[in-house]
Amino acid sequence: MREKKVRYFDYSLLFLVIFLVCFGLVILYSTSSYNGQLKFKDPAYYLKKQLFASVLGIGAMFVISRIDYHIWKPFWMLAYVVALGFCILVLFIGDELNGARRWLKLGPVSFQPSELAKLAMIIFLAVVVSRMPKKMKNLTNIFKVMLIIIPVVGVVAKENLSTAIIIMGIALAMIFVASPKYLQFIIMGAAVAALGVVFLLFGDEYRKQRIAIWQAPEKFEKGYQTIQGLYAIGSGGLFGKGLGESMQKLGFVPESQNDMVFSIICEELGLFGAICVILLFLLLLWRFMVIANNAQDLYGALLVTGIMAHIAIQVILNIAVVTNTIPNTGISLPFISYGGTSVSFLLAEMGLALSVSRGIQLEPKEAREEAAVGRRRPGPRAQRHIS
């Protein structure tokens, strides 16, 4: 009697995500309690808001993980239009914060359309690229696909250059997976980098100022955050001062619960803690690679590749900013930095990756045992098994 094919579910990915969310909440409370008490007379103010968004996100993750990921395929164009529409809308009626319009308020709900744009572009590009993988070998067709997302990237870049960079990076990674030609990838990467340089040189004055601050933060008043962040990293030593014992979070690093949270991790947990956090993200990326390599179809593989690129690029950019390796771009650390919209959409993406993992079919036990002794039955080729 033939065994039924076993459906796979990536519990390792689920555990890593839950662990990162819980770790993020602990670090957030440690980092934000002073600001919460100072501004809102409640040390748990930021924790409560993040916890609420995390619970909603985890609920969305479990619901989406139970839904066949193919159900989102017909909505690829709707995802593009909605993302573009909200990103345009925020330029006109969005709430301004720290000189930038990034928040859109719809009744009692307030969110960042740029976070929606990341997820929408992953779905949109997964469908477009999976429909013409052979055409992706042609550089002209790659440019055509990139031109399609330029309107979204351009609108997002107006107020949020870092998110625009992430969307372009996601697109490049997904196209590369469909047609892994290094020369084309290098050409496209160079074109995107050139576009970014032009945008910086001829864009708003405050972006030029950020480059100047990056080169010599001690000469500018706005370089204060960068310098204090570097002090926090340096003072942590090998094992840190201990959880909750940071001095730099006491007003020295402004809004330390946001983009600069990694510097506080370094101060409280030291180099050891920082390396552990980086290893957690590397493990997360590894699970994405396993799912993408064994996905049921190219569409599923591209969805997971887009999610993997999103996490990887955002982590790299955040750590690079905190260590002053690149100019400050205002990018958060996934699952750890404060931001309800960010964590909710990230968890929705995790649900999508878990949904793709459910489509993987394990090789039946009997077939694996026969393969181990070199005896295979005639018939259809056995499915791959996951390590």
Protein backbone atom coordinates (compact mmCIF):
# COMPACT_ATOMS: atom_id res chain seq x y z
CA MET A 1 0.00 0.00 0.00
CA ARG A 2 1.45 3.36 -1.02
CA GLU A 3 1.98 5.97 1.64
CA LYS A 4 0.20 9.27 1.38
CA LYS A 5 2.37 12.29 0.69
CA VAL A 6 3.13 14.18 3.87
CA ARG A 7 2.53 17.92 3.98
CA TYR A 8 5.37 19.98 5.39
CA PHE A 9 5.21 22.92 7.80
CA ASP A 10 8.29 24.88 8.79
CA TYR A 11 8.08 24.90 12.59
CA SER A 12 11.68 26.12 12.74
CA LEU A 13 10.68 29.32 10.96
CA LEU A 14 7.64 29.71 13.20
CA PHE A 15 9.77 29.29 16.35
CA LEU A 16 12.36 31.83 15.13
CA VAL A 17 9.68 34.39 14.34
CA ILE A 18 7.93 34.00 17.71
CA PHE A 19 11.28 34.16 19.51
CA LEU A 20 12.30 37.34 17.64
CA VAL A 21 8.95 39.00 18.43
CA CYS A 22 9.24 38.12 22.16
CA PHE A 23 12.88 39.20 22.26
CA GLY A 24 11.91 42.43 20.51
CA LEU A 25 9.23 43.16 23.12
CA VAL A 26 11.73 42.64 25.97
CA ILE A 27 14.33 44.88 24.34
CA LEU A 28 11.66 47.47 23.48
CA TYR A 29 10.55 47.74 27.10
CA SER A 30 14.13 48.02 28.28
CA THR A 31 14.85 50.69 25.67
CA SER A 32 11.65 52.72 25.82
CA SER A 33 10.61 52.70 29.49
CA TYR A 34 12.47 55.94 30.23
CA ASN A 35 10.93 57.78 27.26
CA GLY A 36 7.51 56.35 28.06
CA GLN A 37 7.68 57.59 31.65
CA LEU A 38 9.03 60.98 30.59
CA LYS A 39 6.51 61.69 27.81
CA PHE A 40 3.40 59.70 28.77
CA LYS A 41 3.85 58.96 32.51
CA ASP A 42 3.74 55.26 31.62
CA PRO A 43 6.97 53.23 31.28
CA ALA A 44 5.05 50.51 29.41
CA TYR A 45 3.45 52.90 26.91
CA TYR A 46 5.48 51.80 23.88
CA LEU A 47 5.39 48.15 24.99
CA LYS A 48 1.57 48.12 25.14
CA LYS A 49 1.23 49.56 21.64
CA GLN A 50 3.82 47.19 20.20
CA LEU A 51 2.27 44.21 21.99
CA PHE A 52 -1.15 45.04 20.55
CA ALA A 53 0.29 45.28 17.01
CA SER A 54 2.26 42.05 17.54
CA VAL A 55 -0.83 40.15 18.68
CA LEU A 56 -2.73 41.38 15.60
CA GLY A 57 0.23 40.45 13.40
CA ILE A 58 0.57 36.96 14.90
CA GLY A 59 -3.15 36.42 14.37
CA ALA A 60 -2.78 37.51 10.74
CA MET A 61 0.28 35.26 10.38
CA PHE A 62 -1.59 32.15 11.50
CA VAL A 63 -4.63 32.93 9.34
CA ILE A 64 -2.51 33.61 6.22
CA SER A 65 -0.39 30.51 6.86
CA ARG A 66 -3.55 28.36 6.67
CA ILE A 67 -4.60 29.84 3.32
CA ASP A 68 -3.24 28.46 0.06
CA TYR A 69 -0.80 31.11 -1.18
CA HIS A 70 -2.14 30.72 -4.74
CA ILE A 71 -5.30 32.52 -3.64
CA TRP A 72 -3.40 35.84 -3.75
CA LYS A 73 -2.31 35.36 -7.34
CA PRO A 74 -5.39 36.93 -9.04
CA PHE A 75 -4.98 40.07 -6.92
CA TRP A 76 -1.52 40.99 -8.24
CA MET A 77 -2.71 44.06 -10.15
CA LEU A 78 -5.02 45.15 -7.33
CA ALA A 79 -2.05 44.97 -4.93
CA TYR A 80 -0.06 47.27 -7.23
CA VAL A 81 -2.88 49.80 -7.67
CA VAL A 82 -3.77 49.90 -3.95
CA ALA A 83 -0.13 50.31 -2.92
CA LEU A 84 0.43 53.10 -5.44
CA GLY A 85 -2.84 54.79 -4.49
CA PHE A 86 -2.10 54.84 -0.75
CA CYS A 87 1.48 56.03 -1.33
CA ILE A 88 0.19 58.93 -3.44
CA LEU A 89 -2.55 59.69 -0.93
CA VAL A 90 -0.10 60.00 1.95
CA LEU A 91 1.73 62.82 0.11
CA PHE A 92 -1.41 64.96 0.24
CA ILE A 93 -3.26 64.06 3.42
CA GLY A 94 -0.63 62.15 5.40
CA ASP A 95 0.40 63.09 8.92
CA GLU A 96 3.77 64.83 9.08
CA LEU A 97 6.32 63.57 11.58
CA ASN A 98 9.93 64.79 11.88
CA GLY A 99 9.58 66.68 8.60
CA ALA A 100 8.29 63.74 6.52
CA ARG A 101 4.80 62.62 5.54
CA ARG A 102 4.76 58.85 6.08
CA TRP A 103 1.60 58.15 8.08
CA LEU A 104 -1.92 57.86 6.75
CA LYS A 105 -4.88 58.00 9.11
CA LEU A 106 -8.08 56.24 8.09
CA GLY A 107 -10.58 56.72 10.89
CA PRO A 108 -9.13 55.20 14.08
CA VAL A 109 -6.43 53.34 12.13
CA SER A 110 -3.06 54.94 11.39
CA PHE A 111 -0.45 53.13 9.29
CA GLN A 112 2.50 53.61 6.93
CA PRO A 113 1.55 52.90 3.29
CA SER A 114 5.22 52.25 2.53
CA GLU A 115 5.03 49.05 4.63
CA LEU A 116 2.01 47.94 2.61
CA ALA A 117 3.94 48.75 -0.59
CA LYS A 118 6.69 46.24 0.30
CA LEU A 119 4.25 43.34 0.66
CA ALA A 120 2.24 44.43 -2.39
CA MET A 121 5.35 44.60 -4.58
CA ILE A 122 6.41 41.11 -3.47
CA ILE A 123 3.05 39.66 -4.58
CA PHE A 124 2.99 41.75 -7.77
CA LEU A 125 6.51 40.84 -8.86
CA ALA A 126 6.10 37.15 -7.95
CA VAL A 127 3.20 36.90 -10.40
CA VAL A 128 4.79 38.99 -13.17
CA VAL A 129 8.17 37.25 -13.07
CA SER A 130 6.74 33.72 -12.68
CA ARG A 131 4.67 34.21 -15.84
CA MET A 132 7.70 34.87 -18.02
CA PRO A 133 10.81 33.32 -16.40
CA LYS A 134 12.47 32.61 -19.76
CA LYS A 135 12.03 36.24 -20.84
CA MET A 136 13.99 37.33 -17.76
CA LYS A 137 17.14 36.17 -19.56
CA ASN A 138 16.78 39.24 -21.77
CA LEU A 139 18.11 42.45 -20.23
CA THR A 140 15.49 44.52 -22.09
CA ASN A 141 12.65 42.59 -20.45
CA ILE A 142 14.27 43.05 -17.05
CA PHE A 143 14.34 46.81 -17.59
CA LYS A 144 10.67 46.67 -18.60
CA VAL A 145 9.76 44.95 -15.33
CA MET A 146 11.81 47.47 -13.37
CA LEU A 147 10.08 50.33 -15.18
CA ILE A 148 6.70 48.99 -14.05
CA ILE A 149 7.62 49.45 -10.38
CA ILE A 150 9.31 52.84 -10.88
CA PRO A 151 6.05 54.79 -10.20
CA VAL A 152 5.70 53.14 -6.77
CA VAL A 153 9.41 53.52 -6.00
CA GLY A 154 9.40 57.16 -7.09
CA VAL A 155 6.38 58.08 -4.97
CA VAL A 156 7.74 56.25 -1.92
CA ALA A 157 11.22 57.82 -2.37
CA LYS A 158 9.70 61.30 -2.13
CA GLU A 159 9.28 60.92 1.63
CA ASN A 160 10.98 57.60 2.42
CA LEU A 161 14.13 56.87 0.41
CA SER A 162 15.13 53.88 2.55
CA THR A 163 11.90 52.01 1.76
CA ALA A 164 12.32 52.82 -1.94
CA ILE A 165 15.81 51.26 -1.78
CA ILE A 166 14.36 48.15 -0.13
CA ILE A 167 11.67 47.78 -2.82
CA MET A 168 14.29 48.06 -5.57
CA GLY A 169 16.46 45.51 -3.76
CA ILE A 170 13.52 43.11 -3.46
CA ALA A 171 12.85 43.45 -7.21
CA LEU A 172 16.48 42.76 -8.11
CA ALA A 173 16.61 39.66 -5.86
CA MET A 174 13.40 38.20 -7.32
CA ILE A 175 14.51 38.80 -10.91
CA PHE A 176 17.92 37.27 -10.16
CA VAL A 177 16.28 34.08 -8.82
CA ALA A 178 14.22 33.74 -12.01
CA SER A 179 17.27 34.30 -14.22
CA PRO A 180 20.53 34.00 -12.25
CA LYS A 181 22.86 35.73 -14.70
CA TYR A 182 25.54 37.64 -12.81
CA LEU A 183 26.27 40.14 -15.58
CA GLN A 184 22.64 41.23 -15.83
CA PHE A 185 22.42 41.40 -12.05
CA ILE A 186 25.53 43.59 -11.86
CA ILE A 187 24.24 45.88 -14.63
CA MET A 188 20.87 46.27 -12.93
CA GLY A 189 22.51 46.85 -9.56
CA ALA A 190 24.75 49.52 -11.05
CA ALA A 191 21.74 51.18 -12.70
CA VAL A 192 19.83 51.24 -9.40
CA ALA A 193 22.89 52.63 -7.57
CA ALA A 194 23.31 55.34 -10.23
CA LEU A 195 19.63 56.24 -9.90
CA GLY A 196 20.07 56.52 -6.14
CA VAL A 197 23.09 58.80 -6.50
CA VAL A 198 21.21 61.07 -8.92
CA PHE A 199 18.28 61.18 -6.52
CA LEU A 200 20.60 62.20 -3.68
CA LEU A 201 22.48 64.83 -5.66
CA PHE A 202 19.42 66.48 -7.17
CA GLY A 203 16.90 65.69 -4.44
CA ASP A 204 15.93 67.58 -1.32
CA GLU A 205 18.59 69.50 0.57
CA TYR A 206 18.19 67.48 3.78
CA ARG A 207 19.42 64.32 1.98
CA LYS A 208 22.63 66.09 0.96
CA GLN A 209 22.99 67.21 4.56
CA ARG A 210 22.73 63.59 5.73
CA ILE A 211 25.75 62.68 3.60
CA ALA A 212 27.73 65.54 5.14
CA ILE A 213 26.69 64.42 8.64
CA TRP A 214 27.72 60.84 7.83
CA GLN A 215 31.19 62.00 6.80
CA ALA A 216 31.76 64.14 9.90
CA PRO A 217 28.96 63.72 12.50
CA GLU A 218 30.89 65.65 15.15
CA LYS A 219 30.66 68.85 13.08
CA PHE A 220 26.86 68.94 12.95
CA GLU A 221 24.18 69.24 15.58
CA LYS A 222 22.16 66.50 13.86
CA GLY A 223 25.14 64.17 14.13
CA TYR A 224 24.50 63.94 17.88
CA GLN A 225 22.35 60.79 17.55
CA THR A 226 25.01 59.00 15.50
CA ILE A 227 27.79 59.86 17.94
CA GLN A 228 25.76 58.78 20.99
CA GLY A 229 24.84 55.55 19.23
CA LEU A 230 28.51 54.81 18.63
CA TYR A 231 29.24 55.57 22.29
CA ALA A 232 26.58 53.03 23.26
CA ILE A 233 28.12 50.36 21.01
CA GLY A 234 31.63 51.02 22.32
CA SER A 235 30.65 51.08 26.00
CA GLY A 236 28.94 47.68 25.84
CA GLY A 237 32.18 45.74 25.65
CA LEU A 238 32.09 41.98 25.20
CA PHE A 239 29.08 41.04 27.37
CA GLY A 240 27.41 44.40 27.94
CA LYS A 241 26.27 46.28 31.03
CA GLY A 242 23.25 44.04 31.55
CA LEU A 243 19.65 44.13 30.38
CA GLY A 244 18.04 47.42 31.38
CA GLU A 245 21.34 49.00 32.45
CA SER A 246 21.94 51.22 29.40
CA MET A 247 22.89 54.82 30.10
CA GLN A 248 22.60 56.09 26.52
CA LYS A 249 18.86 55.34 26.37
CA LEU A 250 18.29 57.92 29.13
CA GLY A 251 17.88 60.73 26.65
CA PHE A 252 21.36 60.60 25.11
CA VAL A 253 20.23 58.55 22.09
CA PRO A 254 17.01 60.31 20.94
CA GLU A 255 14.06 57.93 20.34
CA SER A 256 16.35 54.96 21.02
CA GLN A 257 13.45 52.50 20.69
CA ASN A 258 13.21 53.22 16.98
CA ASP A 259 16.02 53.04 14.42
CA MET A 260 18.88 53.07 16.96
CA VAL A 261 17.70 50.09 19.02
CA PHE A 262 20.66 47.97 17.87
CA SER A 263 23.07 50.37 19.59
CA ILE A 264 21.24 49.80 22.90
CA ILE A 265 21.38 46.03 22.34
CA CYS A 266 25.15 46.39 21.97
CA GLU A 267 25.39 48.46 25.15
CA GLU A 268 23.24 46.18 27.31
CA LEU A 269 24.15 42.76 25.86
CA GLY A 270 27.57 43.55 24.43
CA LEU A 271 29.26 42.17 21.35
CA PHE A 272 28.08 38.68 22.32
CA GLY A 273 24.43 39.77 22.34
CA ALA A 274 24.79 41.67 19.06
CA ILE A 275 26.30 38.61 17.36
CA CYS A 276 23.47 36.43 18.73
CA VAL A 277 20.88 38.81 17.23
CA ILE A 278 22.65 38.72 13.85
CA LEU A 279 22.80 34.90 14.02
CA LEU A 280 19.05 34.79 14.68
CA PHE A 281 18.42 36.75 11.49
CA LEU A 282 20.85 34.49 9.59
CA LEU A 283 18.92 31.44 10.79
CA LEU A 284 15.71 33.12 9.65
CA LEU A 285 17.19 33.71 6.19
CA TRP A 286 18.36 30.09 6.06
CA ARG A 287 14.82 28.84 6.66
CA PHE A 288 13.59 31.09 3.86
CA MET A 289 16.21 29.56 1.55
CA VAL A 290 15.09 26.04 2.46
CA ILE A 291 11.44 26.89 1.73
CA ALA A 292 12.26 28.70 -1.53
CA ASN A 293 14.45 25.83 -2.77
CA ASN A 294 11.69 23.29 -2.13
CA ALA A 295 8.65 25.39 -3.05
CA GLN A 296 5.89 23.81 -5.08
CA ASP A 297 6.34 26.22 -7.99
CA LEU A 298 8.29 29.28 -9.12
CA TYR A 299 5.56 31.62 -7.89
CA GLY A 300 5.94 30.30 -4.32
CA ALA A 301 9.74 30.41 -4.54
CA LEU A 302 9.60 34.03 -5.67
CA LEU A 303 7.25 35.02 -2.84
CA VAL A 304 9.66 33.63 -0.25
CA THR A 305 12.67 35.14 -2.07
CA GLY A 306 11.02 38.56 -1.92
CA ILE A 307 10.36 38.17 1.82
CA MET A 308 13.93 36.98 2.39
CA ALA A 309 15.32 39.96 0.45
CA HIS A 310 13.13 42.34 2.45
CA ILE A 311 14.40 41.05 5.82
CA ALA A 312 18.04 40.80 4.69
CA ILE A 313 18.22 44.29 3.17
CA GLN A 314 16.45 45.92 6.11
CA VAL A 315 18.71 44.27 8.71
CA ILE A 316 21.86 45.17 6.77
CA LEU A 317 20.76 48.79 6.28
CA ASN A 318 19.76 49.24 9.92
CA ILE A 319 23.03 47.89 11.32
CA ALA A 320 25.01 49.86 8.73
CA VAL A 321 23.25 53.08 9.78
CA VAL A 322 23.73 52.44 13.50
CA THR A 323 27.47 51.80 12.99
CA ASN A 324 27.70 54.88 10.69
CA THR A 325 28.80 52.69 7.77
CA ILE A 326 26.25 54.46 5.54
CA PRO A 327 24.32 57.75 5.90
CA ASN A 328 21.32 57.72 8.20
CA THR A 329 18.28 56.47 6.26
CA GLY A 330 15.77 56.07 9.05
CA ILE A 331 15.25 52.31 8.75
CA SER A 332 13.98 50.03 11.53
CA LEU A 333 15.35 46.68 12.73
CA PRO A 334 12.75 44.00 11.85
CA PHE A 335 10.68 42.65 14.78
CA ILE A 336 12.71 44.65 17.33
CA SER A 337 12.39 48.38 16.59
CA TYR A 338 9.21 50.13 17.71
CA GLY A 339 6.58 50.34 14.98
CA GLY A 340 3.15 48.74 14.92
CA THR A 341 2.70 48.93 11.14
CA SER A 342 6.10 47.42 10.50
CA VAL A 343 5.72 44.44 12.83
CA SER A 344 2.16 43.73 11.65
CA PHE A 345 3.09 43.60 7.96
CA LEU A 346 6.28 41.66 8.70
CA LEU A 347 4.26 39.00 10.52
CA ALA A 348 1.81 38.90 7.60
CA GLU A 349 4.79 38.20 5.33
CA MET A 350 5.89 35.40 7.68
CA GLY A 351 2.41 33.90 7.31
CA LEU A 352 2.84 33.99 3.53
CA ALA A 353 6.20 32.18 3.81
CA LEU A 354 4.66 29.55 6.10
CA SER A 355 1.82 29.12 3.59
CA VAL A 356 4.39 28.37 0.88
CA SER A 357 6.04 25.85 3.20
CA ARG A 358 2.70 24.04 3.55
CA GLY A 359 2.73 23.44 -0.20
CA ILE A 360 5.93 21.40 0.06
CA GLN A 361 5.36 17.65 -0.09
CA LEU A 362 7.73 15.41 1.85
CA GLU A 363 9.06 12.24 0.31
CA PRO A 364 7.20 9.21 1.73
CA LYS A 365 9.14 7.20 4.33
CA GLU A 366 9.04 3.98 2.32
CA ALA A 367 10.49 5.67 -0.78
CA ARG A 368 13.26 7.25 1.30
CA GLU A 369 14.20 3.87 2.78
CA GLU A 370 14.34 2.29 -0.67
CA ALA A 371 16.41 5.18 -1.99
CA ALA A 372 18.86 4.71 0.87
CA VAL A 373 19.64 1.13 -0.26
CA GLY A 374 19.61 2.05 -3.93
CA ARG A 375 16.27 0.42 -4.77
CA ARG A 376 13.71 2.77 -6.32
CA ARG A 377 10.29 1.75 -7.52
CA PRO A 378 9.32 2.60 -11.09
CA GLY A 379 6.95 5.49 -11.46
CA PRO A 380 6.83 9.22 -10.84
CA ARG A 381 9.91 10.89 -9.44
CA ALA A 382 9.85 11.13 -5.65
CA GLN A 383 9.41 14.50 -4.02
CA ARG A 384 12.39 16.11 -2.29
CA HIS A 385 12.59 15.91 1.48
CA ILE A 386 13.51 18.82 3.70
CA SER A 387 16.58 18.83 5.89
